Amino acid sequence: MTITILPSANLEWGFWGTISRIENDPAADPAKAWANASRRIAEVTTASPEGVRDFLDSRHGRHFADDVAGELVRGDTLKEAIDTAIARWMGWRIDRRTSRETGIPKGLPYLTGFANHYAIMAELPY
C-alpha cells in the first residue's frame, strides 16, 4: 500500500509546531516526526492524506504531539513515541457528548474518529 504524506499547512502550531519546540532532543526533528506520524496514522486509521494532514495540523494534532513529546522525554525513540501515542489514542473511545458535537460515531477510537472526521471535512465545499 502506497501512503501519500502531505506537507503541513501549519508549521507554527498543531503537531509540527509542538514537535519543533522540543529542545535538545535530536529525535524531535519535526520533518521526521511529521513523516513518521503521518505514515503510521494513515496505516492505522485508513484516513485520507488530507484527513491525516488536517488532523495533525489541528488542535487535536497538537495534543497528539504532546503525547509524543512526553514519550520522547521519557527516553523513547521517535518511532516508539509515536507508536505509544497511537496506541493511547486508539484506546480512547468517542463518547456520546463528542459524538453529538462532531458527528463522529460513538465508540470509535479517538484517532480513527478524528482523522476521518478531518478527512470528511476536507471534502466539504466551503
Protein backbone atom coordinates (compact mmCIF):
# COMPACT_ATOMS: atom_id res chain seq x y z
CA MET A 1 0.00 0.00 0.00
CA THR A 2 1.38 3.40 -1.01
CA ILE A 3 0.82 6.14 1.53
CA THR A 4 0.81 9.77 0.45
CA ILE A 5 2.20 12.17 3.03
CA LEU A 6 1.07 15.75 2.58
CA PRO A 7 3.16 18.61 3.98
CA SER A 8 1.94 20.51 6.99
CA ALA A 9 -0.03 23.66 6.36
CA ASN A 10 0.51 24.78 9.96
CA LEU A 11 4.21 24.99 10.82
CA GLU A 12 3.61 27.22 13.86
CA TRP A 13 1.08 25.16 15.79
CA GLY A 14 -0.50 21.71 15.57
CA PHE A 15 1.77 18.67 15.52
CA TRP A 16 4.67 20.28 13.62
CA GLY A 17 4.83 23.39 15.79
CA THR A 18 4.66 21.40 19.01
CA ILE A 19 7.41 18.99 18.00
CA SER A 20 9.60 21.84 16.72
CA ARG A 21 9.53 23.41 20.20
CA ILE A 22 11.13 20.39 21.91
CA GLU A 23 14.65 21.45 22.82
CA ASN A 24 17.84 19.40 22.99
CA ASP A 25 16.39 16.20 21.54
CA PRO A 26 17.64 15.07 18.14
CA ALA A 27 14.63 12.74 17.88
CA ALA A 28 12.39 15.81 17.83
CA ASP A 29 13.08 16.69 14.19
CA PRO A 30 9.66 17.95 13.03
CA ALA A 31 10.13 16.76 9.43
CA LYS A 32 10.98 13.20 10.51
CA ALA A 33 8.27 13.20 13.17
CA TRP A 34 5.70 14.50 10.65
CA ALA A 35 6.56 11.84 8.07
CA ASN A 36 6.56 9.02 10.64
CA ALA A 37 3.34 10.13 12.36
CA SER A 38 1.56 10.73 9.04
CA ARG A 39 2.50 7.30 7.72
CA ARG A 40 1.57 5.44 10.91
CA ILE A 41 -1.74 7.31 11.40
CA ALA A 42 -2.71 6.61 7.78
CA GLU A 43 -1.89 2.92 8.26
CA VAL A 44 -3.86 2.60 11.48
CA THR A 45 -6.91 4.73 10.61
CA THR A 46 -7.09 4.38 6.81
CA ALA A 47 -7.88 8.11 6.73
CA SER A 48 -7.13 10.04 3.53
CA PRO A 49 -3.90 12.03 3.23
CA GLU A 50 -5.94 15.23 3.69
CA GLY A 51 -7.56 13.85 6.82
CA VAL A 52 -4.22 12.88 8.33
CA ARG A 53 -2.68 16.26 7.47
CA ASP A 54 -5.64 18.24 8.78
CA PHE A 55 -5.78 16.16 11.96
CA LEU A 56 -2.08 16.76 12.64
CA ASP A 57 -2.42 20.46 11.80
CA SER A 58 -5.36 20.85 14.21
CA ARG A 59 -5.56 21.36 17.95
CA HIS A 60 -6.04 17.59 18.20
CA GLY A 61 -2.72 17.18 16.40
CA ARG A 62 -1.12 19.48 18.96
CA HIS A 63 -2.43 17.26 21.75
CA PHE A 64 -1.23 14.17 19.89
CA ALA A 65 2.21 15.82 19.63
CA ASP A 66 2.12 16.49 23.38
CA ASP A 67 1.76 12.73 23.89
CA VAL A 68 4.65 12.05 21.51
CA ALA A 69 6.79 14.68 23.25
CA GLY A 70 6.06 13.14 26.64
CA GLU A 71 7.29 9.77 25.42
CA LEU A 72 10.43 11.33 23.91
CA VAL A 73 11.21 12.97 27.25
CA ARG A 74 10.92 9.52 28.87
CA GLY A 75 13.65 8.30 26.51
CA ASP A 76 11.66 6.56 23.77
CA THR A 77 12.85 6.66 20.18
CA LEU A 78 10.73 8.67 17.78
CA LYS A 79 9.12 5.50 16.41
CA GLU A 80 8.38 4.20 19.91
CA ALA A 81 6.96 7.57 20.99
CA ILE A 82 4.64 7.79 18.00
CA ASP A 83 3.52 4.17 18.35
CA THR A 84 2.81 4.69 22.06
CA ALA A 85 0.76 7.82 21.34
CA ILE A 86 -1.13 5.98 18.60
CA ALA A 87 -1.90 3.09 20.95
CA ARG A 88 -3.16 5.54 23.58
CA TRP A 89 -5.39 7.41 21.10
CA MET A 90 -6.71 4.16 19.65
CA GLY A 91 -7.58 3.01 23.18
CA TRP A 92 -9.72 6.06 23.89
CA ARG A 93 -13.29 5.95 22.57
CA ILE A 94 -15.57 8.67 21.24
CA ASP A 95 -18.19 9.31 23.90
CA ARG A 96 -21.78 10.42 23.46
CA ARG A 97 -21.03 14.10 24.03
CA THR A 98 -18.20 14.18 21.48
CA SER A 99 -20.39 12.25 19.05
CA ARG A 100 -23.16 14.85 19.38
CA GLU A 101 -20.69 17.74 18.98
CA THR A 102 -18.80 16.33 15.99
CA GLY A 103 -20.98 13.71 14.35
CA ILE A 104 -18.27 11.08 14.88
CA PRO A 105 -19.96 7.78 15.75
CA LYS A 106 -19.88 6.92 19.45
CA GLY A 107 -17.50 4.11 20.31
CA LEU A 108 -14.94 4.71 17.56
CA PRO A 109 -11.30 5.02 18.64
CA TYR A 110 -10.36 8.69 19.05
CA LEU A 111 -7.61 8.58 16.46
CA THR A 112 -9.75 6.85 13.84
CA GLY A 113 -12.69 9.13 14.57
CA PHE A 114 -10.82 12.42 14.40
CA ALA A 115 -8.54 11.58 11.46
CA ASN A 116 -11.57 10.53 9.44
CA HIS A 117 -13.61 13.49 10.70
CA TYR A 118 -10.95 15.80 9.24
CA ALA A 119 -10.95 13.74 6.02
CA ILE A 120 -14.71 14.30 5.65
CA MET A 121 -14.36 18.00 6.49
CA ALA A 122 -11.69 18.34 3.78
CA GLU A 123 -14.16 17.09 1.19
CA LEU A 124 -16.94 19.51 2.09
CA PRO A 125 -17.39 22.54 -0.15
CA TYR A 126 -16.87 25.88 1.53
